[in-house]
């Protein structure tokens, strides 16, 4: 059982909780951020909200935060842009650095690196303006998944079951990204695995199985209904659980992730082979979120988890700049 002690919050100083932002996931970020804010305050931490969509980087510097908890999701918060600004400002922050955040946000770049490191991931194709869609369907087979590679929370995703649907699916995804990702559809069970730590100390938390209504784990079923069922720890034999966790830890380290993340996994029904889909370097922290769920299964409360993540805040390329907060 994890319990925060006074020594755990000693030296944390003035803390900013970055929430909201300008991405398509703003609504979820506000919920996550306010949850984190209340959790930190409940532990006696001097925590303050800061919404980059409403306030400037100059105001962020003027707040003189000793460290910040990033509860932003999607573009301009999870994609390395904000991480670069924090490095320049000398403000330690939670989660991955500029490179891992940027690569992790791009599902195509993630796949390229994972494949180079032996991480199993579904076959894919990139779709540009001149791509032959019939060739993509022939290569990947039907059904297939079409998605914008730089979005999260299932935004812009379509399951294509007939070749005639492919053009509309690509047009939808292109509303979010210029290049579109088409991915082999894996029929099977859906899981998610949080990871805490950095480098050799990074470890996978309990595996969570997600059972969504009719297998549709969309935006609504992720965040706003109670129809989706979660099993944590997932009902898997020990060998399968360890294999999934080993793949997840390898994938996390291959991208250079730090602090915490969550990686989504499919287990193919025909042979129980795992396929890793994507990494979330700034996972949700809502009441429906999976990282708190996995931590709870190990005896760590939501509040203690928030403190643990906050304590891992660091600069990845530079050193803290005391003069900026003097």
Protein backbone atom coordinates (compact mmCIF):
# COMPACT_ATOMS: atom_id res chain seq x y z
CA UNK A 1 0.00 0.00 0.00
CA UNK A 2 1.49 3.34 -1.10
CA UNK A 3 0.95 6.31 1.20
CA UNK A 4 2.36 9.79 0.75
CA UNK A 5 4.44 11.06 3.68
CA UNK A 6 5.51 14.64 4.46
CA UNK A 7 8.96 13.86 3.08
CA UNK A 8 7.38 12.96 -0.29
CA UNK A 9 6.17 16.53 -0.80
CA UNK A 10 9.17 18.26 0.74
CA UNK A 11 10.95 20.48 -1.75
CA UNK A 12 8.28 20.31 -4.45
CA UNK A 13 7.69 24.04 -4.13
CA UNK A 14 5.15 25.92 -6.23
CA UNK A 15 3.57 23.55 -8.75
CA UNK A 16 1.74 24.34 -11.96
CA UNK A 17 -0.84 21.92 -13.36
CA UNK A 18 -1.01 22.47 -17.11
CA UNK A 19 -4.50 21.67 -18.35
CA UNK A 20 -6.94 22.46 -21.16
CA UNK A 21 -4.82 23.54 -24.09
CA UNK A 22 -5.80 23.93 -27.74
CA UNK A 23 -6.07 20.33 -28.97
CA UNK A 24 -9.17 18.37 -29.93
CA UNK A 25 -8.81 16.67 -26.53
CA UNK A 26 -9.19 19.90 -24.53
CA UNK A 27 -12.38 18.74 -22.80
CA UNK A 28 -10.69 15.61 -21.43
CA UNK A 29 -7.58 17.54 -20.45
CA UNK A 30 -9.64 19.91 -18.31
CA UNK A 31 -11.15 16.94 -16.48
CA UNK A 32 -7.75 15.26 -16.04
CA UNK A 33 -6.05 18.45 -14.93
CA UNK A 34 -8.66 19.43 -12.40
CA UNK A 35 -8.51 15.94 -10.93
CA UNK A 36 -4.73 16.17 -10.60
CA UNK A 37 -5.00 19.68 -9.15
CA UNK A 38 -7.38 18.61 -6.41
CA UNK A 39 -5.34 15.50 -5.65
CA UNK A 40 -2.12 17.49 -5.21
CA UNK A 41 -3.83 20.11 -3.08
CA UNK A 42 -5.33 17.38 -0.89
CA UNK A 43 -1.75 16.35 -0.09
CA UNK A 44 -0.79 19.86 0.95
CA UNK A 45 1.05 20.75 -2.25
CA UNK A 46 1.01 24.37 -3.43
CA UNK A 47 -0.59 23.59 -6.81
CA UNK A 48 -2.10 26.06 -9.29
CA UNK A 49 -3.93 25.57 -12.62
CA UNK A 50 -2.48 26.99 -15.83
CA UNK A 51 -4.26 26.77 -19.20
CA UNK A 52 -1.89 27.45 -22.14
CA UNK A 53 -4.89 28.16 -24.39
CA UNK A 54 -5.81 31.14 -22.24
CA UNK A 55 -2.42 32.35 -20.99
CA UNK A 56 0.91 33.00 -22.71
CA UNK A 57 4.34 31.49 -22.22
CA UNK A 58 5.40 34.82 -20.75
CA UNK A 59 2.76 34.37 -18.06
CA UNK A 60 3.95 30.80 -17.50
CA UNK A 61 7.46 32.09 -16.87
CA UNK A 62 6.12 34.86 -14.61
CA UNK A 63 4.36 32.31 -12.38
CA UNK A 64 7.80 31.05 -11.28
CA UNK A 65 6.70 27.46 -10.92
CA UNK A 66 9.30 25.14 -9.42
CA UNK A 67 7.88 22.27 -11.49
CA UNK A 68 4.81 21.49 -13.55
CA UNK A 69 2.52 18.50 -13.97
CA UNK A 70 1.52 18.18 -17.65
CA UNK A 71 -2.13 17.10 -17.84
CA UNK A 72 -2.48 18.19 -21.47
CA UNK A 73 -3.45 15.74 -24.20
CA UNK A 74 -2.81 15.91 -27.92
CA UNK A 75 -1.25 18.72 -29.92
CA UNK A 76 0.57 21.57 -28.23
CA UNK A 77 0.83 19.65 -24.98
CA UNK A 78 1.71 16.02 -25.59
CA UNK A 79 3.64 16.42 -28.85
CA UNK A 80 6.92 17.96 -27.70
CA UNK A 81 6.10 21.59 -28.43
CA UNK A 82 5.35 22.53 -24.83
CA UNK A 83 8.17 20.31 -23.57
CA UNK A 84 10.60 22.36 -25.68
CA UNK A 85 9.28 25.60 -24.20
CA UNK A 86 9.66 24.24 -20.67
CA UNK A 87 13.25 23.20 -21.43
CA UNK A 88 14.00 26.75 -22.58
CA UNK A 89 12.31 28.20 -19.50
CA UNK A 90 14.19 25.81 -17.23
CA UNK A 91 11.03 24.48 -15.57
CA UNK A 92 11.10 20.74 -14.69
CA UNK A 93 8.08 18.88 -16.04
CA UNK A 94 6.44 15.47 -15.83
CA UNK A 95 6.57 12.88 -18.56
CA UNK A 96 8.74 12.42 -21.62
CA UNK A 97 11.06 14.94 -23.22
CA UNK A 98 10.83 16.71 -26.55
CA UNK A 99 11.91 13.83 -28.80
CA UNK A 100 9.94 11.01 -27.16
CA UNK A 101 6.84 13.21 -26.90
CA UNK A 102 7.06 14.21 -30.56
CA UNK A 103 7.69 10.68 -31.85
CA UNK A 104 5.11 9.14 -29.52
CA UNK A 105 2.48 11.56 -30.78
CA UNK A 106 3.10 10.42 -34.36
CA UNK A 107 1.75 6.88 -34.78
CA UNK A 108 3.68 6.39 -38.03
CA UNK A 109 7.02 7.45 -36.53
CA UNK A 110 6.27 5.26 -33.52
CA UNK A 111 5.74 2.22 -35.75
CA UNK A 112 8.99 2.80 -37.62
CA UNK A 113 10.98 2.81 -34.38
CA UNK A 114 9.08 -0.08 -32.85
CA UNK A 115 9.62 -2.27 -35.88
CA UNK A 116 13.35 -1.51 -35.73
CA UNK A 117 13.35 -2.71 -32.10
CA UNK A 118 11.35 -5.88 -32.70
CA UNK A 119 8.13 -4.57 -31.17
CA UNK A 120 5.08 -6.31 -32.71
CA UNK A 121 2.68 -3.80 -34.27
CA UNK A 122 0.02 -4.16 -36.99
CA UNK A 123 1.06 -3.78 -40.63
CA UNK A 124 0.38 -0.30 -41.98
CA UNK A 125 0.44 2.02 -44.96
CA UNK A 126 0.66 5.80 -45.19
CA UNK A 127 -1.89 7.50 -47.41
CA UNK A 128 -1.10 10.74 -49.20
CA UNK A 129 -3.00 12.65 -51.91
CA UNK A 130 -1.86 10.32 -54.70
CA UNK A 131 -1.98 6.97 -52.91
CA UNK A 132 -3.74 4.12 -54.69
CA UNK A 133 -6.44 3.18 -52.17
CA UNK A 134 -7.24 -0.10 -53.90
CA UNK A 135 -3.60 -1.12 -53.48
CA UNK A 136 -3.74 -0.25 -49.77
CA UNK A 137 -6.85 -2.39 -49.28
CA UNK A 138 -5.22 -5.26 -51.15
CA UNK A 139 -2.03 -5.00 -49.09
CA UNK A 140 -3.62 -4.76 -45.64
CA UNK A 141 -6.83 -6.68 -46.28
CA UNK A 142 -10.31 -5.85 -45.07
CA UNK A 143 -11.45 -4.83 -42.61
CA UNK A 144 -8.77 -2.21 -41.90
CA UNK A 145 -8.46 0.85 -39.67
CA UNK A 146 -7.99 4.41 -40.95
CA UNK A 147 -6.88 7.11 -38.53
CA UNK A 148 -5.14 10.49 -38.34
CA UNK A 149 -1.65 9.67 -37.01
CA UNK A 150 -1.36 12.76 -34.79
CA UNK A 151 -4.67 12.56 -32.94
CA UNK A 152 -5.71 10.59 -29.86
CA UNK A 153 -8.87 9.52 -28.04
CA UNK A 154 -10.06 7.67 -31.20
CA UNK A 155 -10.72 11.03 -32.91
CA UNK A 156 -11.12 10.67 -36.69
CA UNK A 157 -10.88 6.86 -36.70
CA UNK A 158 -12.92 4.61 -39.01
CA UNK A 159 -13.13 0.84 -39.27
CA UNK A 160 -13.41 0.15 -42.99
CA UNK A 161 -15.20 -3.10 -43.85
CA UNK A 162 -15.73 -2.51 -47.59
CA UNK A 163 -13.42 -0.95 -50.17
CA UNK A 164 -16.14 1.54 -51.10
CA UNK A 165 -15.90 3.06 -47.59
CA UNK A 166 -12.19 3.75 -47.77
CA UNK A 167 -12.32 7.13 -49.51
CA UNK A 168 -14.77 8.59 -46.97
CA UNK A 169 -12.65 7.25 -44.10
CA UNK A 170 -9.53 8.87 -45.55
CA UNK A 171 -11.36 12.17 -46.07
CA UNK A 172 -12.48 12.14 -42.44
CA UNK A 173 -8.97 11.45 -41.14
CA UNK A 174 -7.54 14.12 -43.46
CA UNK A 175 -9.64 16.74 -41.66
CA UNK A 176 -7.12 16.31 -38.83
CA UNK A 177 -3.85 15.37 -40.58
CA UNK A 178 -2.44 15.77 -44.09
CA UNK A 179 -1.02 12.24 -44.07
CA UNK A 180 -3.35 9.40 -43.08
CA UNK A 181 -2.50 6.06 -41.45
CA UNK A 182 -4.12 2.85 -42.64
CA UNK A 183 -3.59 -0.12 -40.36
CA UNK A 184 -4.22 -3.85 -40.48
CA UNK A 185 -7.25 -4.75 -38.38
CA UNK A 186 -6.49 -7.18 -35.56
CA UNK A 187 -9.47 -9.18 -34.39
CA UNK A 188 -9.09 -9.92 -30.71
CA UNK A 189 -9.10 -8.63 -27.15
CA UNK A 190 -8.13 -5.07 -26.25
CA UNK A 191 -5.75 -4.13 -23.45
CA UNK A 192 -3.85 -1.15 -22.11
CA UNK A 193 -0.71 -1.15 -20.00
CA UNK A 194 0.57 1.85 -18.02
CA UNK A 195 4.30 2.25 -17.44
CA UNK A 196 6.02 4.21 -14.67
CA UNK A 197 9.68 5.16 -14.41
CA UNK A 198 12.62 5.95 -16.66
CA UNK A 199 15.28 3.83 -18.34
CA UNK A 200 16.16 0.60 -16.58
CA UNK A 201 13.79 1.52 -13.72
CA UNK A 202 10.74 1.70 -16.01
CA UNK A 203 8.19 -1.01 -15.28
CA UNK A 204 4.81 -2.00 -16.58
CA UNK A 205 1.85 -1.82 -14.19
CA UNK A 206 -0.93 -4.45 -14.20
CA UNK A 207 -2.45 -5.15 -17.60
CA UNK A 208 -6.01 -3.83 -18.07
CA UNK A 209 -8.52 -5.49 -20.38
CA UNK A 210 -11.06 -3.19 -22.01
CA UNK A 211 -14.45 -4.63 -22.94
CA UNK A 212 -16.41 -1.97 -24.81
CA UNK A 213 -20.01 -2.23 -26.04
CA UNK A 214 -19.90 -4.12 -29.35
CA UNK A 215 -16.13 -3.70 -29.25
CA UNK A 216 -16.49 0.03 -29.92
CA UNK A 217 -14.06 1.81 -27.58
CA UNK A 218 -14.78 5.27 -28.99
CA UNK A 219 -14.59 8.76 -27.47
CA UNK A 220 -17.96 8.46 -25.74
CA UNK A 221 -17.31 4.97 -24.35
CA UNK A 222 -13.85 5.99 -23.19
CA UNK A 223 -14.84 8.98 -21.12
CA UNK A 224 -18.54 9.52 -20.62
CA UNK A 225 -20.43 6.24 -20.19
CA UNK A 226 -20.28 3.40 -17.73
CA UNK A 227 -21.01 0.79 -20.40
CA UNK A 228 -17.36 -0.09 -20.98
CA UNK A 229 -16.04 -2.75 -18.60
CA UNK A 230 -12.48 -2.89 -17.32
CA UNK A 231 -10.74 -5.91 -15.83
CA UNK A 232 -7.62 -5.11 -13.83
CA UNK A 233 -5.53 -7.16 -13.56
CA UNK A 234 -6.65 -8.65 -16.87
CA UNK A 235 -7.79 -12.31 -16.77
CA UNK A 236 -4.71 -13.70 -18.54
CA UNK A 237 -2.34 -16.51 -17.66
CA UNK A 238 0.96 -15.46 -16.13
CA UNK A 239 3.04 -16.21 -19.23
CA UNK A 240 0.83 -14.06 -21.49
CA UNK A 241 0.76 -11.23 -18.95
CA UNK A 242 4.53 -11.19 -18.66
CA UNK A 243 4.97 -11.34 -22.44
CA UNK A 244 2.69 -8.32 -22.92
CA UNK A 245 4.46 -6.37 -20.16
CA UNK A 246 7.88 -7.21 -21.63
CA UNK A 247 6.83 -5.96 -25.08
CA UNK A 248 5.41 -2.80 -23.50
CA UNK A 249 8.57 -2.07 -21.53
CA UNK A 250 10.69 -2.63 -24.67
CA UNK A 251 8.43 -0.30 -26.66
CA UNK A 252 8.57 2.37 -23.95
CA UNK A 253 12.36 2.32 -23.78
CA UNK A 254 12.73 2.18 -27.58
CA UNK A 255 11.00 5.57 -27.84
CA UNK A 256 12.96 7.02 -24.92
CA UNK A 257 9.85 7.64 -22.83
CA UNK A 258 10.32 8.98 -19.32
CA UNK A 259 8.23 9.33 -16.16
CA UNK A 260 5.03 7.65 -17.24
CA UNK A 261 3.02 6.59 -20.27
CA UNK A 262 0.34 4.14 -21.35
CA UNK A 263 0.57 1.72 -24.27
CA UNK A 264 -2.41 0.13 -26.00
CA UNK A 265 -2.27 -3.53 -27.04
CA UNK A 266 -4.38 -5.98 -29.01
CA UNK A 267 -4.21 -9.74 -28.46
CA UNK A 268 -5.12 -11.57 -31.67
CA UNK A 269 -7.90 -14.07 -31.12
CA UNK A 270 -6.53 -16.70 -33.49
CA UNK A 271 -3.17 -17.22 -31.76
CA UNK A 272 -2.93 -14.86 -28.73
CA UNK A 273 -0.17 -12.88 -30.47
CA UNK A 274 0.17 -9.33 -29.05
CA UNK A 275 0.24 -6.23 -31.26
CA UNK A 276 1.10 -2.80 -29.84
CA UNK A 277 -0.90 0.09 -31.28
CA UNK A 278 0.30 3.37 -29.81
CA UNK A 279 1.80 5.12 -26.81
CA UNK A 280 0.20 7.92 -24.81
CA UNK A 281 2.97 9.98 -23.21
CA UNK A 282 0.49 12.15 -21.29
CA UNK A 283 -2.29 9.71 -20.36
CA UNK A 284 -5.71 10.66 -19.06
CA UNK A 285 -6.28 11.13 -15.35
CA UNK A 286 -10.09 11.19 -15.29
CA UNK A 287 -12.34 8.92 -13.22
CA UNK A 288 -12.46 6.56 -16.22
CA UNK A 289 -8.71 6.64 -16.87
CA UNK A 290 -6.54 3.56 -16.91
CA UNK A 291 -3.28 4.60 -15.25
CA UNK A 292 -5.01 5.33 -11.91
CA UNK A 293 -6.91 2.05 -12.28
CA UNK A 294 -3.72 0.01 -12.68
CA UNK A 295 -2.01 1.86 -9.83
CA UNK A 296 -5.01 1.18 -7.59
CA UNK A 297 -4.66 -2.54 -8.33
CA UNK A 298 -1.19 -2.29 -6.77
CA UNK A 299 -2.48 -0.38 -3.74
CA UNK A 300 -1.59 3.16 -4.84
CA UNK A 301 -4.34 5.77 -4.52
CA UNK A 302 -5.07 8.40 -7.17
CA UNK A 303 -3.64 11.10 -4.90
CA UNK A 304 -0.43 9.19 -4.18
CA UNK A 305 -0.02 8.41 -7.87
CA UNK A 306 -0.24 12.11 -8.72
CA UNK A 307 2.45 12.90 -6.15
CA UNK A 308 4.66 10.08 -7.44
CA UNK A 309 4.42 11.36 -11.02
CA UNK A 310 5.02 14.94 -9.90
CA UNK A 311 8.16 13.95 -8.03
CA UNK A 312 9.55 12.51 -11.28
CA UNK A 313 9.38 15.94 -12.97
CA UNK A 314 12.71 16.85 -14.56
CA UNK A 315 14.46 18.63 -17.39
CA UNK A 316 15.73 16.26 -20.04
CA UNK A 317 18.20 18.41 -22.00
CA UNK A 318 19.23 21.16 -19.60
CA UNK A 319 19.29 22.23 -15.99
CA UNK A 320 16.79 24.10 -13.88
CA UNK A 321 17.10 27.85 -14.17
CA UNK A 322 16.75 29.34 -10.68
CA UNK A 323 17.20 32.85 -12.07
CA UNK A 324 14.00 32.45 -14.09
CA UNK A 325 12.07 31.98 -10.86
CA UNK A 326 14.00 34.32 -8.60
